[in-house]
Amino acid sequence: MMNVRSGDRVLVHYTARLADGSVILSTHSEKGGEQPLEITAGGADVIPALSRAVLGMQTGEKKLVPVTPEQGFGVRDPQLERRVPLAELPPGSRVGDRFEASAHGLSLPVWVREIGESGALLDANHPLAGQHLFLEVEVVSADPSQTHH
């Protein structure tokens, strides 16, 4: 059996958990339907921890990978948070909602972190930024890159 190398197309099942064990993302659905994810080993199409975890693995192999914020969804950047008056929120907004906000002529996705009496805290960081995660990774199949001979 061949080991996965950088550039290979790989089908993986994964489950991402927070440090407390709660599942936040998974290719295994609760209804029994499963949809593996196709990624490029060592590539930039998914978080670095996942694309690097499969390197050297074989089909059918499973492993548990601790993920630092730098290898996951990034560290929190306080400059991406902004307090706004409630009037600037879309009508009916709740904590956790995502929407596009524009600032300085740019549009970027933000989410509502807090809503208080005087205003709301909007955050353009990824909701999982700053989180330490654990990834359970299983290689379903691997298609060697055409560059390996």
C-alpha atoms as a PDB file:
ATOM      1  CA  MET A   1       0.000   0.000   0.000  1.00  0.00           C
ATOM      2  CA  MET A   2       1.216   3.454  -0.863  1.00  0.00           C
ATOM      3  CA  ASN A   3       1.573   6.298   1.590  1.00  0.00           C
ATOM      4  CA  VAL A   4      -0.178   9.562   0.755  1.00  0.00           C
ATOM      5  CA  ARG A   5       2.212  12.156  -0.629  1.00  0.00           C
ATOM      6  CA  SER A   6       1.916  15.888  -1.149  1.00  0.00           C
ATOM      7  CA  GLY A   7      -0.262  16.694  -4.162  1.00  0.00           C
ATOM      8  CA  ASP A   8      -2.273  13.448  -4.050  1.00  0.00           C
ATOM      9  CA  ARG A   9      -6.079  13.761  -4.217  1.00  0.00           C
ATOM     10  CA  VAL A  10      -7.445  12.106  -1.093  1.00  0.00           C
ATOM     11  CA  LEU A  11     -10.960  11.217   0.064  1.00  0.00           C
ATOM     12  CA  VAL A  12     -11.168  11.625   3.833  1.00  0.00           C
ATOM     13  CA  HIS A  13     -13.671  11.284   6.599  1.00  0.00           C
ATOM     14  CA  TYR A  14     -13.048  13.631   9.475  1.00  0.00           C
ATOM     15  CA  THR A  15     -14.629  14.752  12.700  1.00  0.00           C
ATOM     16  CA  ALA A  16     -13.484  18.005  14.292  1.00  0.00           C
ATOM     17  CA  ARG A  17     -14.055  18.397  18.025  1.00  0.00           C
ATOM     18  CA  LEU A  18     -13.561  21.239  20.454  1.00  0.00           C
ATOM     19  CA  ALA A  19     -11.308  20.617  23.457  1.00  0.00           C
ATOM     20  CA  ASP A  20     -14.419  19.671  25.484  1.00  0.00           C
ATOM     21  CA  GLY A  21     -15.184  16.849  23.024  1.00  0.00           C
ATOM     22  CA  SER A  22     -18.200  18.435  21.326  1.00  0.00           C
ATOM     23  CA  VAL A  23     -18.377  17.796  17.575  1.00  0.00           C
ATOM     24  CA  ILE A  24     -18.331  20.940  15.424  1.00  0.00           C
ATOM     25  CA  LEU A  25     -17.767  19.542  11.919  1.00  0.00           C
ATOM     26  CA  SER A  26     -18.018  16.026  10.555  1.00  0.00           C
ATOM     27  CA  THR A  27     -18.349  14.149   7.280  1.00  0.00           C
ATOM     28  CA  HIS A  28     -20.404  11.537   9.153  1.00  0.00           C
ATOM     29  CA  SER A  29     -24.039  12.631   9.315  1.00  0.00           C
ATOM     30  CA  GLU A  30     -26.310  11.635  12.162  1.00  0.00           C
ATOM     31  CA  LYS A  31     -28.755  10.107   9.653  1.00  0.00           C
ATOM     32  CA  GLY A  32     -26.187   7.522   8.598  1.00  0.00           C
ATOM     33  CA  GLY A  33     -25.427   9.152   5.258  1.00  0.00           C
ATOM     34  CA  GLU A  34     -21.738   9.796   4.838  1.00  0.00           C
ATOM     35  CA  GLN A  35     -20.059  12.133   2.399  1.00  0.00           C
ATOM     36  CA  PRO A  36     -16.262  11.988   2.484  1.00  0.00           C
ATOM     37  CA  LEU A  37     -14.399  15.163   1.565  1.00  0.00           C
ATOM     38  CA  GLU A  38     -11.966  15.284  -1.355  1.00  0.00           C
ATOM     39  CA  ILE A  39      -8.831  17.283  -0.576  1.00  0.00           C
ATOM     40  CA  THR A  40      -5.318  17.775  -1.919  1.00  0.00           C
ATOM     41  CA  ALA A  41      -2.748  16.340   0.477  1.00  0.00           C
ATOM     42  CA  GLY A  42      -0.484  19.158   1.641  1.00  0.00           C
ATOM     43  CA  GLY A  43      -2.644  21.649  -0.283  1.00  0.00           C
ATOM     44  CA  ALA A  44      -4.398  24.865   0.676  1.00  0.00           C
ATOM     45  CA  ASP A  45      -8.020  23.814   0.023  1.00  0.00           C
ATOM     46  CA  VAL A  46      -8.648  22.997   3.718  1.00  0.00           C
ATOM     47  CA  ILE A  47      -7.090  24.011   7.049  1.00  0.00           C
ATOM     48  CA  PRO A  48      -3.345  23.204   7.237  1.00  0.00           C
ATOM     49  CA  ALA A  49      -3.829  20.630  10.014  1.00  0.00           C
ATOM     50  CA  LEU A  50      -6.109  18.480   7.838  1.00  0.00           C
ATOM     51  CA  SER A  51      -4.113  18.747   4.599  1.00  0.00           C
ATOM     52  CA  ARG A  52      -0.892  17.851   6.471  1.00  0.00           C
ATOM     53  CA  ALA A  53      -2.437  15.115   8.644  1.00  0.00           C
ATOM     54  CA  VAL A  54      -3.005  12.816   5.657  1.00  0.00           C
ATOM     55  CA  LEU A  55       0.633  12.962   4.513  1.00  0.00           C
ATOM     56  CA  GLY A  56       2.199   9.530   5.023  1.00  0.00           C
ATOM     57  CA  MET A  57      -1.129   7.855   5.850  1.00  0.00           C
ATOM     58  CA  GLN A  58      -2.501   4.830   3.981  1.00  0.00           C
ATOM     59  CA  THR A  59      -6.022   3.987   2.802  1.00  0.00           C
ATOM     60  CA  GLY A  60      -8.106   2.809   5.753  1.00  0.00           C
ATOM     61  CA  GLU A  61      -5.762   4.351   8.326  1.00  0.00           C
ATOM     62  CA  LYS A  62      -7.190   6.582  11.070  1.00  0.00           C
ATOM     63  CA  LYS A  63      -5.482   9.055  13.331  1.00  0.00           C
ATOM     64  CA  LEU A  64      -6.225  11.709  15.932  1.00  0.00           C
ATOM     65  CA  VAL A  65      -4.559  15.077  15.387  1.00  0.00           C
ATOM     66  CA  PRO A  66      -4.405  17.930  17.921  1.00  0.00           C
ATOM     67  CA  VAL A  67      -4.891  21.261  16.114  1.00  0.00           C
ATOM     68  CA  THR A  68      -3.467  24.569  17.309  1.00  0.00           C
ATOM     69  CA  PRO A  69      -5.222  27.786  16.211  1.00  0.00           C
ATOM     70  CA  GLU A  70      -2.342  28.451  13.786  1.00  0.00           C
ATOM     71  CA  GLN A  71      -2.920  25.059  12.099  1.00  0.00           C
ATOM     72  CA  GLY A  72      -6.699  25.458  12.241  1.00  0.00           C
ATOM     73  CA  PHE A  73      -8.799  28.559  11.735  1.00  0.00           C
ATOM     74  CA  GLY A  74      -6.195  31.113  12.803  1.00  0.00           C
ATOM     75  CA  VAL A  75      -5.594  33.142  15.933  1.00  0.00           C
ATOM     76  CA  ARG A  76      -8.150  35.741  16.977  1.00  0.00           C
ATOM     77  CA  ASP A  77      -7.441  39.250  15.723  1.00  0.00           C
ATOM     78  CA  PRO A  78      -9.064  41.825  18.038  1.00  0.00           C
ATOM     79  CA  GLN A  79      -8.895  44.392  15.227  1.00  0.00           C
ATOM     80  CA  LEU A  80     -11.512  42.365  13.348  1.00  0.00           C
ATOM     81  CA  GLU A  81     -14.074  43.056  16.091  1.00  0.00           C
ATOM     82  CA  ARG A  82     -16.247  46.176  16.035  1.00  0.00           C
ATOM     83  CA  ARG A  83     -18.997  47.562  18.250  1.00  0.00           C
ATOM     84  CA  VAL A  84     -21.915  48.973  16.277  1.00  0.00           C
ATOM     85  CA  PRO A  85     -25.262  50.554  17.179  1.00  0.00           C
ATOM     86  CA  LEU A  86     -28.176  48.100  17.100  1.00  0.00           C
ATOM     87  CA  ALA A  87     -29.638  50.094  14.184  1.00  0.00           C
ATOM     88  CA  GLU A  88     -26.777  48.858  11.956  1.00  0.00           C
ATOM     89  CA  LEU A  89     -27.805  45.205  12.364  1.00  0.00           C
ATOM     90  CA  PRO A  90     -30.158  43.558   9.875  1.00  0.00           C
ATOM     91  CA  PRO A  91     -33.685  43.382  11.372  1.00  0.00           C
ATOM     92  CA  GLY A  92     -34.196  40.330  13.586  1.00  0.00           C
ATOM     93  CA  SER A  93     -30.460  39.618  14.044  1.00  0.00           C
ATOM     94  CA  ARG A  94     -29.482  37.209  16.790  1.00  0.00           C
ATOM     95  CA  VAL A  95     -26.168  36.142  18.336  1.00  0.00           C
ATOM     96  CA  GLY A  96     -24.427  33.725  15.960  1.00  0.00           C
ATOM     97  CA  ASP A  97     -25.993  35.167  12.777  1.00  0.00           C
ATOM     98  CA  ARG A  98     -23.664  35.780   9.832  1.00  0.00           C
ATOM     99  CA  PHE A  99     -24.042  38.492   7.232  1.00  0.00           C
ATOM    100  CA  GLU A 100     -21.975  40.625   4.861  1.00  0.00           C
ATOM    101  CA  ALA A 101     -20.830  43.965   6.250  1.00  0.00           C
ATOM    102  CA  SER A 102     -19.116  46.678   4.298  1.00  0.00           C
ATOM    103  CA  ALA A 103     -16.349  48.889   5.591  1.00  0.00           C
ATOM    104  CA  HIS A 104     -14.015  51.152   3.655  1.00  0.00           C
ATOM    105  CA  GLY A 105     -15.531  49.958   0.374  1.00  0.00           C
ATOM    106  CA  LEU A 106     -14.865  46.294   1.151  1.00  0.00           C
ATOM    107  CA  SER A 107     -17.452  43.650   1.903  1.00  0.00           C
ATOM    108  CA  LEU A 108     -16.590  40.938   4.400  1.00  0.00           C
ATOM    109  CA  PRO A 109     -18.483  38.233   6.275  1.00  0.00           C
ATOM    110  CA  VAL A 110     -19.081  39.030   9.932  1.00  0.00           C
ATOM    111  CA  TRP A 111     -20.996  37.307  12.680  1.00  0.00           C
ATOM    112  CA  VAL A 112     -22.818  38.704  15.657  1.00  0.00           C
ATOM    113  CA  ARG A 113     -20.868  37.809  18.825  1.00  0.00           C
ATOM    114  CA  GLU A 114     -22.889  39.792  21.359  1.00  0.00           C
ATOM    115  CA  ILE A 115     -26.018  41.902  21.460  1.00  0.00           C
ATOM    116  CA  GLY A 116     -26.445  44.344  24.328  1.00  0.00           C
ATOM    117  CA  GLU A 117     -28.844  47.162  25.129  1.00  0.00           C
ATOM    118  CA  SER A 118     -26.623  49.821  23.578  1.00  0.00           C
ATOM    119  CA  GLY A 119     -25.148  47.951  20.641  1.00  0.00           C
ATOM    120  CA  ALA A 120     -23.731  44.765  19.183  1.00  0.00           C
ATOM    121  CA  LEU A 121     -20.279  43.251  18.770  1.00  0.00           C
ATOM    122  CA  LEU A 122     -19.544  42.169  15.196  1.00  0.00           C
ATOM    123  CA  ASP A 123     -16.621  39.860  14.513  1.00  0.00           C
ATOM    124  CA  ALA A 124     -14.924  39.178  11.174  1.00  0.00           C
ATOM    125  CA  ASN A 125     -12.715  36.458  12.690  1.00  0.00           C
ATOM    126  CA  HIS A 126     -13.714  32.911  11.771  1.00  0.00           C
ATOM    127  CA  PRO A 127     -16.025  31.638  14.563  1.00  0.00           C
ATOM    128  CA  LEU A 128     -13.441  28.924  15.324  1.00  0.00           C
ATOM    129  CA  ALA A 129     -10.450  31.308  15.354  1.00  0.00           C
ATOM    130  CA  GLY A 130      -8.352  30.880  18.475  1.00  0.00           C
ATOM    131  CA  GLN A 131      -9.808  27.441  19.244  1.00  0.00           C
ATOM    132  CA  HIS A 132      -7.713  24.360  19.971  1.00  0.00           C
ATOM    133  CA  LEU A 133      -9.346  21.450  18.146  1.00  0.00           C
ATOM    134  CA  PHE A 134      -8.946  17.716  17.705  1.00  0.00           C
ATOM    135  CA  LEU A 135      -9.349  16.096  14.274  1.00  0.00           C
ATOM    136  CA  GLU A 136     -10.179  12.437  13.813  1.00  0.00           C
ATOM    137  CA  VAL A 137      -9.019  11.698  10.266  1.00  0.00           C
ATOM    138  CA  GLU A 138      -9.581   8.568   8.164  1.00  0.00           C
ATOM    139  CA  VAL A 139      -8.203   8.130   4.639  1.00  0.00           C
ATOM    140  CA  VAL A 140     -10.971   6.549   2.533  1.00  0.00           C
ATOM    141  CA  SER A 141      -8.994   6.475  -0.709  1.00  0.00           C
ATOM    142  CA  ALA A 142      -6.019   8.168  -2.329  1.00  0.00           C
ATOM    143  CA  ASP A 143      -5.356   8.981  -5.954  1.00  0.00           C
ATOM    144  CA  PRO A 144      -1.636   9.553  -6.502  1.00  0.00           C
ATOM    145  CA  SER A 145      -0.743  12.830  -8.151  1.00  0.00           C
ATOM    146  CA  GLN A 146       0.409  12.471 -11.753  1.00  0.00           C
ATOM    147  CA  THR A 147       3.647  14.223 -10.784  1.00  0.00           C
ATOM    148  CA  HIS A 148       4.893  11.174  -8.785  1.00  0.00           C
ATOM    149  CA  HIS A 149       6.636   8.469 -10.809  1.00  0.00           C
END
